C-alpha atoms as a PDB file:
ATOM      1  CA  MET A   1      79.608 154.790  50.803  1.00  0.00           C
ATOM      2  CA  ALA A   2      79.528 152.982  54.054  1.00  0.00           C
ATOM      3  CA  GLY A   3      77.558 149.650  53.726  1.00  0.00           C
ATOM      4  CA  SER A   4      77.505 149.689  50.111  1.00  0.00           C
ATOM      5  CA  PHE A   5      78.095 146.571  47.970  1.00  0.00           C
ATOM      6  CA  VAL A   6      79.881 145.958  44.844  1.00  0.00           C
ATOM      7  CA  VAL A   7      79.235 143.132  42.403  1.00  0.00           C
ATOM      8  CA  VAL A   8      82.327 141.082  41.904  1.00  0.00           C
ATOM      9  CA  CYS A   9      82.847 139.661  38.397  1.00  0.00           C
ATOM     10  CA  ALA A  10      82.122 136.069  39.245  1.00  0.00           C
ATOM     11  CA  PRO A  11      78.689 134.573  38.512  1.00  0.00           C
ATOM     12  CA  ARG A  12      76.407 132.984  41.110  1.00  0.00           C
ATOM     13  CA  SER A  13      77.208 129.369  41.843  1.00  0.00           C
ATOM     14  CA  GLY A  14      73.927 128.175  40.313  1.00  0.00           C
ATOM     15  CA  ASP A  15      74.860 129.494  36.936  1.00  0.00           C
ATOM     16  CA  VAL A  16      77.024 126.422  35.961  1.00  0.00           C
ATOM     17  CA  ALA A  17      77.793 127.562  32.302  1.00  0.00           C
ATOM     18  CA  ALA A  18      78.816 130.957  33.450  1.00  0.00           C
ATOM     19  CA  GLN A  19      80.880 129.638  36.299  1.00  0.00           C
ATOM     20  CA  ALA A  20      82.711 127.305  33.964  1.00  0.00           C
ATOM     21  CA  TRP A  21      83.492 130.003  31.648  1.00  0.00           C
ATOM     22  CA  PHE A  22      84.749 132.284  34.502  1.00  0.00           C
ATOM     23  CA  MET A  23      87.037 129.444  35.832  1.00  0.00           C
ATOM     24  CA  THR A  24      88.540 128.596  32.301  1.00  0.00           C
ATOM     25  CA  GLY A  25      88.386 131.911  30.478  1.00  0.00           C
ATOM     26  CA  PRO A  26      91.520 133.891  29.489  1.00  0.00           C
ATOM     27  CA  ALA A  27      91.390 136.200  32.414  1.00  0.00           C
ATOM     28  CA  TYR A  28      91.302 133.492  34.912  1.00  0.00           C
ATOM     29  CA  ARG A  29      94.377 131.624  33.324  1.00  0.00           C
ATOM     30  CA  HIS A  30      96.330 134.859  33.795  1.00  0.00           C
ATOM     31  CA  ASP A  31      95.179 135.855  37.236  1.00  0.00           C
ATOM     32  CA  PRO A  32      95.121 132.945  39.740  1.00  0.00           C
ATOM     33  CA  LEU A  33      93.690 135.297  42.406  1.00  0.00           C
ATOM     34  CA  ARG A  34      90.534 135.067  40.503  1.00  0.00           C
ATOM     35  CA  ALA A  35      90.088 131.443  41.823  1.00  0.00           C
ATOM     36  CA  LEU A  36      90.002 132.912  45.410  1.00  0.00           C
ATOM     37  CA  MET A  37      87.592 135.728  44.226  1.00  0.00           C
ATOM     38  CA  SER A  38      85.088 133.174  42.554  1.00  0.00           C
ATOM     39  CA  LEU A  39      84.527 130.636  45.334  1.00  0.00           C
ATOM     40  CA  ARG A  40      80.757 130.448  46.197  1.00  0.00           C
ATOM     41  CA  ALA A  41      78.683 128.178  48.341  1.00  0.00           C
ATOM     42  CA  THR A  42      77.173 125.388  46.218  1.00  0.00           C
ATOM     43  CA  ARG A  43      74.036 123.847  47.618  1.00  0.00           C
ATOM     44  CA  TRP A  44      72.865 121.956  44.497  1.00  0.00           C
ATOM     45  CA  PHE A  45      74.773 119.023  43.136  1.00  0.00           C
ATOM     46  CA  THR A  46      74.591 116.551  40.411  1.00  0.00           C
ATOM     47  CA  ASP A  47      74.470 112.828  40.841  1.00  0.00           C
ATOM     48  CA  GLU A  48      78.046 112.300  39.675  1.00  0.00           C
ATOM     49  CA  ASP A  49      80.289 110.884  42.346  1.00  0.00           C
ATOM     50  CA  VAL A  50      83.359 112.493  43.605  1.00  0.00           C
ATOM     51  CA  GLY A  51      86.365 110.271  42.669  1.00  0.00           C
ATOM     52  CA  ASP A  52      88.751 108.934  45.167  1.00  0.00           C
ATOM     53  CA  HIS A  53      91.699 110.706  43.339  1.00  0.00           C
ATOM     54  CA  ASP A  54      89.958 114.202  43.570  1.00  0.00           C
ATOM     55  CA  LEU A  55      89.012 113.671  47.173  1.00  0.00           C
ATOM     56  CA  HIS A  56      92.541 112.483  48.081  1.00  0.00           C
ATOM     57  CA  ARG A  57      93.927 115.687  46.356  1.00  0.00           C
ATOM     58  CA  ILE A  58      91.502 117.958  48.348  1.00  0.00           C
ATOM     59  CA  LEU A  59      92.303 116.531  51.702  1.00  0.00           C
ATOM     60  CA  GLU A  60      96.000 116.338  50.964  1.00  0.00           C
ATOM     61  CA  THR A  61      95.799 120.185  50.101  1.00  0.00           C
ATOM     62  CA  ALA A  62      93.851 120.887  53.224  1.00  0.00           C
ATOM     63  CA  ARG A  63      96.189 119.057  55.577  1.00  0.00           C
ATOM     64  CA  TRP A  64      99.003 121.487  54.698  1.00  0.00           C
ATOM     65  CA  THR A  65      97.151 124.357  56.205  1.00  0.00           C
ATOM     66  CA  GLY A  66      99.061 126.323  58.782  1.00  0.00           C
ATOM     67  CA  SER A  67      97.987 126.344  62.425  1.00  0.00           C
ATOM     68  CA  ALA A  68      99.070 127.844  65.846  1.00  0.00           C
ATOM     69  CA  ARG A  69     102.223 126.206  66.907  1.00  0.00           C
ATOM     70  CA  ASN A  70     101.739 123.646  64.072  1.00  0.00           C
ATOM     71  CA  ARG A  71      99.256 121.685  66.257  1.00  0.00           C
ATOM     72  CA  GLN A  72      97.114 120.800  63.166  1.00  0.00           C
ATOM     73  CA  PRO A  73      93.997 120.371  65.464  1.00  0.00           C
ATOM     74  CA  TRP A  74      91.868 118.612  62.879  1.00  0.00           C
ATOM     75  CA  ARG A  75      90.845 115.352  61.482  1.00  0.00           C
ATOM     76  CA  PHE A  76      88.622 114.496  58.416  1.00  0.00           C
ATOM     77  CA  HIS A  77      85.982 112.011  58.452  1.00  0.00           C
ATOM     78  CA  THR A  78      84.188 111.479  54.946  1.00  0.00           C
ATOM     79  CA  VAL A  79      80.651 110.193  54.575  1.00  0.00           C
ATOM     80  CA  ARG A  80      79.152 108.771  51.287  1.00  0.00           C
ATOM     81  CA  ASP A  81      76.495 106.645  52.640  1.00  0.00           C
ATOM     82  CA  ALA A  82      73.102 108.136  51.621  1.00  0.00           C
ATOM     83  CA  ASP A  83      71.289 107.331  54.890  1.00  0.00           C
ATOM     84  CA  VAL A  84      74.004 108.931  57.035  1.00  0.00           C
ATOM     85  CA  ARG A  85      73.998 112.037  54.805  1.00  0.00           C
ATOM     86  CA  GLU A  86      70.235 112.248  55.253  1.00  0.00           C
ATOM     87  CA  ALA A  87      70.739 112.065  59.044  1.00  0.00           C
ATOM     88  CA  LEU A  88      73.294 114.641  58.944  1.00  0.00           C
ATOM     89  CA  SER A  89      71.042 116.972  56.957  1.00  0.00           C
ATOM     90  CA  ARG A  90      68.769 117.048  59.948  1.00  0.00           C
ATOM     91  CA  CYS A  91      71.520 118.209  62.424  1.00  0.00           C
ATOM     92  CA  GLY A  92      71.008 121.997  61.726  1.00  0.00           C
ATOM     93  CA  ALA A  93      68.656 124.426  60.435  1.00  0.00           C
ATOM     94  CA  TYR A  94      70.768 125.095  57.270  1.00  0.00           C
ATOM     95  CA  ALA A  95      72.186 121.475  56.656  1.00  0.00           C
ATOM     96  CA  LEU A  96      69.442 120.246  54.138  1.00  0.00           C
ATOM     97  CA  HIS A  97      71.896 120.242  51.277  1.00  0.00           C
ATOM     98  CA  LEU A  98      74.128 117.583  52.820  1.00  0.00           C
ATOM     99  CA  ARG A  99      71.571 114.970  51.646  1.00  0.00           C
ATOM    100  CA  ALA A 100      72.321 115.770  48.085  1.00  0.00           C
ATOM    101  CA  ALA A 101      76.041 115.955  48.202  1.00  0.00           C
ATOM    102  CA  PRO A 102      77.962 112.808  47.083  1.00  0.00           C
ATOM    103  CA  VAL A 103      80.504 113.420  49.901  1.00  0.00           C
ATOM    104  CA  VAL A 104      80.285 115.213  53.192  1.00  0.00           C
ATOM    105  CA  VAL A 105      83.435 115.933  55.101  1.00  0.00           C
ATOM    106  CA  LEU A 106      83.025 116.039  58.766  1.00  0.00           C
ATOM    107  CA  LEU A 107      85.738 118.415  60.234  1.00  0.00           C
ATOM    108  CA  ALA A 108      86.802 117.430  63.772  1.00  0.00           C
ATOM    109  CA  LEU A 109      88.779 119.905  65.947  1.00  0.00           C
ATOM    110  CA  ASP A 110      90.651 119.033  69.008  1.00  0.00           C
ATOM    111  CA  HIS A 111      89.207 121.696  71.607  1.00  0.00           C
ATOM    112  CA  SER A 112      91.862 121.242  74.225  1.00  0.00           C
ATOM    113  CA  GLY A 113      93.744 124.224  72.668  1.00  0.00           C
ATOM    114  CA  THR A 114      92.529 127.848  72.517  1.00  0.00           C
ATOM    115  CA  ASP A 115      93.096 128.310  68.552  1.00  0.00           C
ATOM    116  CA  ALA A 116      90.971 125.336  67.337  1.00  0.00           C
ATOM    117  CA  GLU A 117      88.212 127.352  65.915  1.00  0.00           C
ATOM    118  CA  PHE A 118      90.428 129.753  64.236  1.00  0.00           C
ATOM    119  CA  ASP A 119      92.408 127.013  62.758  1.00  0.00           C
ATOM    120  CA  GLY A 120      89.425 125.134  61.794  1.00  0.00           C
ATOM    121  CA  GLY A 121      88.304 128.034  59.741  1.00  0.00           C
ATOM    122  CA  ARG A 122      91.689 128.141  57.825  1.00  0.00           C
ATOM    123  CA  VAL A 123      91.584 124.556  57.104  1.00  0.00           C
ATOM    124  CA  ALA A 124      87.976 124.465  56.003  1.00  0.00           C
ATOM    125  CA  GLN A 125      88.577 127.492  53.690  1.00  0.00           C
ATOM    126  CA  ASN A 126      91.634 125.787  52.031  1.00  0.00           C
ATOM    127  CA  LEU A 127      89.662 122.594  51.675  1.00  0.00           C
ATOM    128  CA  MET A 128      86.783 124.342  49.770  1.00  0.00           C
ATOM    129  CA  LEU A 129      89.353 126.407  47.714  1.00  0.00           C
ATOM    130  CA  ALA A 130      91.081 123.064  46.740  1.00  0.00           C
ATOM    131  CA  ALA A 131      87.670 121.702  45.617  1.00  0.00           C
ATOM    132  CA  HIS A 132      86.866 124.771  43.641  1.00  0.00           C
ATOM    133  CA  VAL A 133      90.229 124.756  41.761  1.00  0.00           C
ATOM    134  CA  ILE A 134      89.539 121.259  40.378  1.00  0.00           C
ATOM    135  CA  GLY A 135      85.907 122.085  39.354  1.00  0.00           C
ATOM    136  CA  LEU A 136      83.909 120.829  42.478  1.00  0.00           C
ATOM    137  CA  GLY A 137      81.442 122.762  44.477  1.00  0.00           C
ATOM    138  CA  SER A 138      81.261 122.879  48.335  1.00  0.00           C
ATOM    139  CA  CYS A 139      79.341 124.487  51.146  1.00  0.00           C
ATOM    140  CA  PRO A 140      80.006 124.408  54.779  1.00  0.00           C
ATOM    141  CA  VAL A 141      77.360 123.869  57.586  1.00  0.00           C
ATOM    142  CA  THR A 142      77.324 124.177  61.249  1.00  0.00           C
ATOM    143  CA  PHE A 143      75.852 121.482  63.299  1.00  0.00           C
ATOM    144  CA  PHE A 144      73.644 122.634  66.366  1.00  0.00           C
ATOM    145  CA  PRO A 145      72.362 122.336  68.896  1.00  0.00           C
ATOM    146  CA  GLN A 146      74.828 120.566  71.221  1.00  0.00           C
ATOM    147  CA  HIS A 147      73.151 117.225  71.120  1.00  0.00           C
ATOM    148  CA  ASN A 148      73.544 117.242  67.329  1.00  0.00           C
ATOM    149  CA  VAL A 149      77.265 117.967  67.709  1.00  0.00           C
ATOM    150  CA  GLU A 150      77.640 115.070  70.277  1.00  0.00           C
ATOM    151  CA  TRP A 151      75.829 112.755  67.806  1.00  0.00           C
ATOM    152  CA  VAL A 152      77.994 113.728  64.710  1.00  0.00           C
ATOM    153  CA  THR A 153      81.129 113.403  66.840  1.00  0.00           C
ATOM    154  CA  GLU A 154      80.163 109.949  68.001  1.00  0.00           C
ATOM    155  CA  ARG A 155      79.158 108.968  64.446  1.00  0.00           C
ATOM    156  CA  ALA A 156      82.838 110.076  63.319  1.00  0.00           C
ATOM    157  CA  GLY A 157      84.201 107.606  66.002  1.00  0.00           C
ATOM    158  CA  LEU A 158      85.661 110.363  68.001  1.00  0.00           C
ATOM    159  CA  ALA A 159      85.299 111.651  71.542  1.00  0.00           C
ATOM    160  CA  GLU A 160      86.418 114.653  73.860  1.00  0.00           C
ATOM    161  CA  PRO A 161      88.683 116.813  73.259  1.00  0.00           C
ATOM    162  CA  TRP A 162      87.432 116.258  69.659  1.00  0.00           C
ATOM    163  CA  GLN A 163      84.073 117.918  68.471  1.00  0.00           C
ATOM    164  CA  VAL A 164      82.635 117.939  64.971  1.00  0.00           C
ATOM    165  CA  ARG A 165      80.648 121.203  64.631  1.00  0.00           C
ATOM    166  CA  THR A 166      81.314 121.611  60.842  1.00  0.00           C
ATOM    167  CA  GLY A 167      80.426 119.542  57.788  1.00  0.00           C
ATOM    168  CA  ILE A 168      81.412 120.357  54.252  1.00  0.00           C
ATOM    169  CA  ALA A 169      79.283 119.240  51.306  1.00  0.00           C
ATOM    170  CA  LEU A 170      81.304 118.238  48.263  1.00  0.00           C
ATOM    171  CA  GLY A 171      80.226 117.423  44.698  1.00  0.00           C
ATOM    172  CA  HIS A 172      79.764 118.407  41.095  1.00  0.00           C
ATOM    173  CA  PRO A 173      77.669 121.605  40.802  1.00  0.00           C
ATOM    174  CA  ALA A 174      74.168 121.581  39.450  1.00  0.00           C
ATOM    175  CA  SER A 175      72.090 124.585  38.369  1.00  0.00           C
ATOM    176  CA  ALA A 176      70.147 126.088  41.331  1.00  0.00           C
ATOM    177  CA  PRO A 177      66.418 126.482  40.960  1.00  0.00           C
ATOM    178  CA  VAL A 178      65.269 129.580  39.227  1.00  0.00           C
ATOM    179  CA  GLY A 179      64.182 132.294  41.614  1.00  0.00           C
ATOM    180  CA  LYS A 180      65.447 135.325  43.611  1.00  0.00           C
ATOM    181  CA  SER A 181      67.730 134.567  46.481  1.00  0.00           C
ATOM    182  CA  ALA A 182      66.834 136.187  49.844  1.00  0.00           C
ATOM    183  CA  ILE A 183      70.702 136.728  50.418  1.00  0.00           C
ATOM    184  CA  PRO A 184      72.167 139.869  48.746  1.00  0.00           C
ATOM    185  CA  ALA A 185      74.927 139.282  46.285  1.00  0.00           C
ATOM    186  CA  GLY A 186      78.129 141.140  45.984  1.00  0.00           C
ATOM    187  CA  ARG A 187      80.542 142.270  48.470  1.00  0.00           C
ATOM    188  CA  HIS A 188      81.299 145.431  50.549  1.00  0.00           C
ATOM    189  CA  SER A 189      83.512 147.934  48.394  1.00  0.00           C
ATOM    190  CA  LEU A 190      87.140 147.895  49.257  1.00  0.00           C
ATOM    191  CA  THR A 191      86.815 151.624  50.247  1.00  0.00           C
ATOM    192  CA  THR A 192      84.389 150.514  53.022  1.00  0.00           C
ATOM    193  CA  LEU A 193      86.719 147.832  54.350  1.00  0.00           C
ATOM    194  CA  TRP A 194      90.100 149.260  53.984  1.00  0.00           C
ATOM    195  CA  ARG A 195      91.677 152.029  56.082  1.00  0.00           C
ATOM    196  CA  GLU A 196      95.385 152.907  56.302  1.00  0.00           C
ATOM    197  CA  GLU A 197      97.573 155.397  58.101  1.00  0.00           C
END
């Protein structure tokens, strides 16, 4: 049925125990694609820090992302300082969870090329998948309006043609508050999304 949703077998990111079982259970070990299917946005984090070794592994994985003409139009700027994370959390309507994340990765893109946004989406997804595979949670945010983009870009020590429009929260997932989400769960069925001839 057009517009119908199916619930995938991954639990919501707020259910830490279920997510841990899903990521370590026997089916996961035999099906690596399940790691891709189980990635969810994490907006609640514990106080546990993200170690330098884990952060290095995540960024090392991300930098191997493909890009148009191999331009690699990205730079990473990491923020651990609580006051800066608090300021970043006010740079967009949906950025509040940045204050609670132990690490925020600012993703800078070189906008002198035509493919920066597309390539930026690729590297952001790979970064979040890398975090997920090693047991960390993540959630991307978009900074807006433009004066916030300019402030964050300057904070990262960059200038045109570089812009920081995206921040990615990283940390150890915590249980989300109990309550019903306003956002529907599940995904459109494959029969809704797939046509062939």
